[in-house]
Amino acid sequence: MARQEPKQERAIRTRRLFLEAAAHVFNECGYDAASIATIVERANLTRGALYFHFTSKEELARGVLAEAVTADGVLPQTYKLQEWVDLGLVLAHRLPREPLLSASVRLSVDPKARGLFGTRWPDWIELGAGILCEAKERGELLAHVDPRATARLAVGAWTGVQLLTEAIPDELDLRTEAANLFDHLLPSIAVPGVLARLDTSPDRGERLFKEAQELAEELAEELAEPC
């Protein structure tokens, strides 16, 4: 059993390398123009290694999309509405820095890829709606607010903001624009007492993500210590 562990770890790393290479190529070329040869070259591995993990470019794209929905970096907060905001702010920090996330958006707006695989937007909506439903149960939302409709509109607006900042990166910063989006949305859904306590700072996502990474590292060190 002990000898199998390094092989499993190598297999996980190799699979991840191919997904990241595919994400880079999808971002640069789009799905249709991306080729297996280019992805293999970018990964600096062999075609045989690729086919051990993925049978086709389509399966690679599905693997990239499978990485799209993530709440990594979002920590428990006093208000569930703050956690919903944090979901968008952390993503705004991570997406420009993580090709897997940006490629998932690229695939979602690519007509051919969308026709083949669909998108992960419904999953983002479900994730956000779940948090907002809890927020409403706690009395954090105004009485008229529909959590699912709000989550749907927020995902659409956030995606539009991301595409706009990508189109004119010299003028717009995703973290700042995402913070501005929440500043416009929150007064129409949050009760005043909660609204006054929410943090929508553009750098909040970066701070939270670093804090979450530090906590994960501390936990890993604790688990590695001998009994």
Protein backbone atom coordinates (compact mmCIF):
# COMPACT_ATOMS: atom_id res chain seq x y z
CA MET A 1 0.00 0.00 0.00
CA ALA A 2 2.81 2.41 0.87
CA ARG A 3 4.38 1.98 -2.58
CA GLN A 4 1.14 2.85 -4.37
CA GLU A 5 0.83 6.25 -2.70
CA PRO A 6 3.60 8.02 -4.68
CA LYS A 7 2.12 6.68 -7.94
CA GLN A 8 -1.28 8.02 -6.98
CA GLU A 9 0.22 11.39 -6.14
CA ARG A 10 2.07 11.49 -9.48
CA ALA A 11 -1.11 10.57 -11.31
CA ILE A 12 -3.00 13.38 -9.57
CA ARG A 13 -0.24 15.88 -10.41
CA THR A 14 -0.07 14.71 -14.02
CA ARG A 15 -3.80 15.02 -14.46
CA ARG A 16 -3.68 18.50 -12.97
CA LEU A 17 -0.84 19.51 -15.30
CA PHE A 18 -2.89 18.49 -18.33
CA LEU A 19 -5.96 20.37 -17.08
CA GLU A 20 -3.90 23.50 -16.49
CA ALA A 21 -2.24 23.19 -19.89
CA ALA A 22 -5.62 22.74 -21.56
CA ALA A 23 -6.95 25.77 -19.67
CA HIS A 24 -4.08 27.92 -20.97
CA VAL A 25 -4.69 26.78 -24.53
CA PHE A 26 -8.47 27.22 -24.32
CA ASN A 27 -7.91 30.74 -22.98
CA GLU A 28 -5.50 31.61 -25.77
CA CYS A 29 -7.11 29.87 -28.74
CA GLY A 30 -10.70 29.06 -27.83
CA TYR A 31 -12.07 25.53 -27.80
CA ASP A 32 -12.35 24.95 -31.53
CA ALA A 33 -8.81 26.01 -32.41
CA ALA A 34 -7.20 24.25 -29.46
CA SER A 35 -5.40 21.04 -30.39
CA ILE A 36 -4.26 18.00 -28.45
CA ALA A 37 -0.75 18.53 -29.80
CA THR A 38 -0.60 22.07 -28.41
CA ILE A 39 -1.94 20.95 -25.04
CA VAL A 40 0.62 18.13 -24.81
CA GLU A 41 3.40 20.55 -25.75
CA ARG A 42 2.24 23.09 -23.15
CA ALA A 43 2.13 20.39 -20.45
CA ASN A 44 5.62 19.20 -21.47
CA LEU A 45 4.45 15.60 -21.17
CA THR A 46 3.70 12.80 -23.62
CA ARG A 47 0.59 12.12 -25.66
CA GLY A 48 0.46 8.68 -24.07
CA ALA A 49 0.33 10.25 -20.61
CA LEU A 50 -2.51 12.49 -21.77
CA TYR A 51 -4.59 9.60 -23.09
CA PHE A 52 -4.08 7.73 -19.84
CA HIS A 53 -6.10 10.48 -18.14
CA PHE A 54 -8.24 11.97 -20.92
CA THR A 55 -9.54 10.29 -24.04
CA SER A 56 -10.21 13.46 -26.03
CA LYS A 57 -10.19 17.25 -26.15
CA GLU A 58 -13.86 17.11 -25.20
CA GLU A 59 -13.03 15.22 -22.02
CA LEU A 60 -10.33 17.77 -21.20
CA ALA A 61 -12.86 20.58 -21.57
CA ARG A 62 -15.27 18.75 -19.29
CA GLY A 63 -12.46 18.38 -16.78
CA VAL A 64 -11.78 22.11 -16.88
CA LEU A 65 -15.46 22.89 -16.38
CA ALA A 66 -15.59 20.46 -13.45
CA GLU A 67 -13.11 22.74 -11.64
CA ALA A 68 -15.22 25.86 -12.19
CA VAL A 69 -17.51 25.96 -9.15
CA THR A 70 -15.49 26.50 -6.00
CA ALA A 71 -15.94 28.18 -2.65
CA ASP A 72 -12.27 27.84 -1.68
CA GLY A 73 -11.25 30.90 0.29
CA VAL A 74 -14.73 31.66 1.60
CA LEU A 75 -14.67 31.41 5.39
CA PRO A 76 -17.61 31.27 7.84
CA GLN A 77 -18.89 34.74 8.78
CA THR A 78 -21.34 36.23 11.25
CA TYR A 79 -23.70 37.05 8.37
CA LYS A 80 -24.50 34.60 5.57
CA LEU A 81 -24.95 37.61 3.29
CA GLN A 82 -21.26 38.42 3.89
CA GLU A 83 -20.38 34.88 2.79
CA TRP A 84 -22.38 35.42 -0.41
CA VAL A 85 -20.48 38.65 -1.07
CA ASP A 86 -17.20 36.91 -0.24
CA LEU A 87 -17.96 34.21 -2.81
CA GLY A 88 -17.92 36.86 -5.54
CA LEU A 89 -14.98 38.83 -4.15
CA VAL A 90 -12.75 35.78 -3.70
CA LEU A 91 -13.58 34.61 -7.21
CA ALA A 92 -12.73 38.08 -8.54
CA HIS A 93 -9.31 37.74 -6.94
CA ARG A 94 -8.71 34.17 -8.10
CA LEU A 95 -10.05 34.13 -11.63
CA PRO A 96 -7.41 36.34 -13.31
CA ARG A 97 -4.71 34.32 -11.54
CA GLU A 98 -6.03 30.79 -12.13
CA PRO A 99 -6.31 29.65 -15.75
CA LEU A 100 -8.69 26.81 -14.85
CA LEU A 101 -11.26 29.29 -13.60
CA SER A 102 -10.87 31.77 -16.46
CA ALA A 103 -11.00 28.93 -19.01
CA SER A 104 -14.28 27.72 -17.54
CA VAL A 105 -15.78 31.15 -18.32
CA ARG A 106 -14.21 31.11 -21.80
CA LEU A 107 -15.75 27.70 -22.51
CA SER A 108 -19.12 28.84 -21.16
CA VAL A 109 -19.33 31.78 -23.58
CA ASP A 110 -17.89 29.86 -26.56
CA PRO A 111 -20.95 28.90 -28.67
CA LYS A 112 -19.51 25.59 -29.87
CA ALA A 113 -18.21 24.53 -26.47
CA ARG A 114 -21.43 25.61 -24.77
CA GLY A 115 -23.39 23.49 -27.22
CA LEU A 116 -21.26 20.45 -26.42
CA PHE A 117 -20.90 20.77 -22.65
CA GLY A 118 -23.34 23.37 -21.40
CA THR A 119 -22.09 25.69 -18.66
CA ARG A 120 -21.57 25.69 -14.91
CA TRP A 121 -23.68 28.81 -14.42
CA PRO A 122 -26.65 26.80 -13.06
CA ASP A 123 -24.31 25.39 -10.41
CA TRP A 124 -23.08 28.86 -9.46
CA ILE A 125 -26.71 29.97 -9.19
CA GLU A 126 -27.53 27.01 -6.93
CA LEU A 127 -24.53 27.73 -4.73
CA GLY A 128 -25.45 31.40 -4.36
CA ALA A 129 -29.15 30.67 -3.88
CA GLY A 130 -28.37 28.27 -1.05
CA ILE A 131 -26.41 30.91 0.83
CA LEU A 132 -29.06 33.57 0.20
CA CYS A 133 -31.83 31.24 1.40
CA GLU A 134 -29.97 30.83 4.69
CA ALA A 135 -29.51 34.60 4.85
CA LYS A 136 -33.25 35.11 4.43
CA GLU A 137 -34.06 32.55 7.11
CA ARG A 138 -31.84 34.53 9.47
CA GLY A 139 -33.62 37.77 8.68
CA GLU A 140 -30.73 39.33 6.77
CA LEU A 141 -32.72 39.96 3.56
CA LEU A 142 -35.61 42.30 2.93
CA ALA A 143 -39.01 40.55 2.94
CA HIS A 144 -39.62 40.90 -0.82
CA VAL A 145 -36.29 39.36 -1.89
CA ASP A 146 -36.39 36.09 -3.87
CA PRO A 147 -33.06 34.35 -3.12
CA ARG A 148 -33.02 32.30 -6.33
CA ALA A 149 -33.87 35.24 -8.58
CA THR A 150 -31.24 37.33 -6.82
CA ALA A 151 -28.62 34.61 -7.25
CA ARG A 152 -29.47 34.27 -10.94
CA LEU A 153 -29.23 38.01 -11.59
CA ALA A 154 -25.99 38.25 -9.62
CA VAL A 155 -24.33 35.46 -11.62
CA GLY A 156 -25.36 37.13 -14.87
CA ALA A 157 -24.14 40.53 -13.72
CA TRP A 158 -20.87 39.17 -12.29
CA THR A 159 -20.15 37.30 -15.55
CA GLY A 160 -20.83 40.43 -17.56
CA VAL A 161 -18.47 42.42 -15.35
CA GLN A 162 -15.78 39.76 -15.76
CA LEU A 163 -16.08 39.75 -19.56
CA LEU A 164 -15.96 43.54 -19.66
CA THR A 165 -12.83 43.75 -17.52
CA GLU A 166 -11.20 41.11 -19.70
CA ALA A 167 -12.02 43.13 -22.82
CA ILE A 168 -10.57 46.40 -21.46
CA PRO A 169 -8.03 45.34 -18.81
CA ASP A 170 -6.10 48.62 -18.96
CA GLU A 171 -9.13 50.52 -17.69
CA LEU A 172 -10.94 48.06 -15.41
CA ASP A 173 -9.92 45.80 -12.54
CA LEU A 174 -12.14 42.79 -11.79
CA ARG A 175 -11.79 43.05 -8.02
CA THR A 176 -12.83 46.70 -8.02
CA GLU A 177 -15.69 46.17 -10.46
CA ALA A 178 -17.00 43.17 -8.49
CA ALA A 179 -16.95 45.28 -5.32
CA ASN A 180 -18.84 48.04 -7.15
CA LEU A 181 -21.40 45.49 -8.31
CA PHE A 182 -22.13 44.40 -4.73
CA ASP A 183 -22.29 48.03 -3.61
CA HIS A 184 -25.12 48.51 -6.11
CA LEU A 185 -26.91 45.22 -5.38
CA LEU A 186 -26.83 45.05 -1.60
CA PRO A 187 -28.96 48.11 -0.73
CA SER A 188 -31.86 46.54 -2.64
CA ILE A 189 -31.72 43.18 -0.81
CA ALA A 190 -30.16 43.62 2.65
CA VAL A 191 -31.90 44.86 5.77
CA PRO A 192 -30.30 48.15 6.90
CA GLY A 193 -28.77 46.74 10.08
CA VAL A 194 -26.92 44.04 8.15
CA LEU A 195 -26.04 46.26 5.20
CA ALA A 196 -24.10 48.62 7.45
CA ARG A 197 -21.91 45.74 8.64
CA LEU A 198 -20.99 44.19 5.29
CA ASP A 199 -17.48 44.54 3.87
CA THR A 200 -17.25 44.94 0.10
CA SER A 201 -13.66 46.16 -0.06
CA PRO A 202 -11.97 45.30 -3.38
CA ASP A 203 -9.04 43.68 -1.55
CA ARG A 204 -11.22 41.56 0.73
CA GLY A 205 -11.15 38.55 -1.60
CA GLU A 206 -7.35 38.51 -1.62
CA ARG A 207 -7.17 38.82 2.17
CA LEU A 208 -9.67 36.01 2.71
CA PHE A 209 -8.01 33.69 0.23
CA LYS A 210 -4.60 34.15 1.88
CA GLU A 211 -6.15 33.57 5.31
CA ALA A 212 -7.83 30.38 4.10
CA GLN A 213 -4.54 29.13 2.62
CA GLU A 214 -2.71 29.81 5.89
CA LEU A 215 -5.37 27.95 7.87
CA ALA A 216 -5.13 25.00 5.48
CA GLU A 217 -1.34 24.92 5.83
CA GLU A 218 -1.58 25.00 9.62
CA LEU A 219 -4.09 22.14 9.57
CA ALA A 220 -1.86 20.11 7.24
CA GLU A 221 1.12 20.61 9.59
CA GLU A 222 -0.96 19.52 12.59
CA LEU A 223 -2.10 16.39 10.81
CA ALA A 224 1.48 15.59 9.77
CA GLU A 225 2.80 15.75 13.34
CA PRO A 226 3.39 12.35 14.94
CA CYS A 227 1.05 11.35 17.76
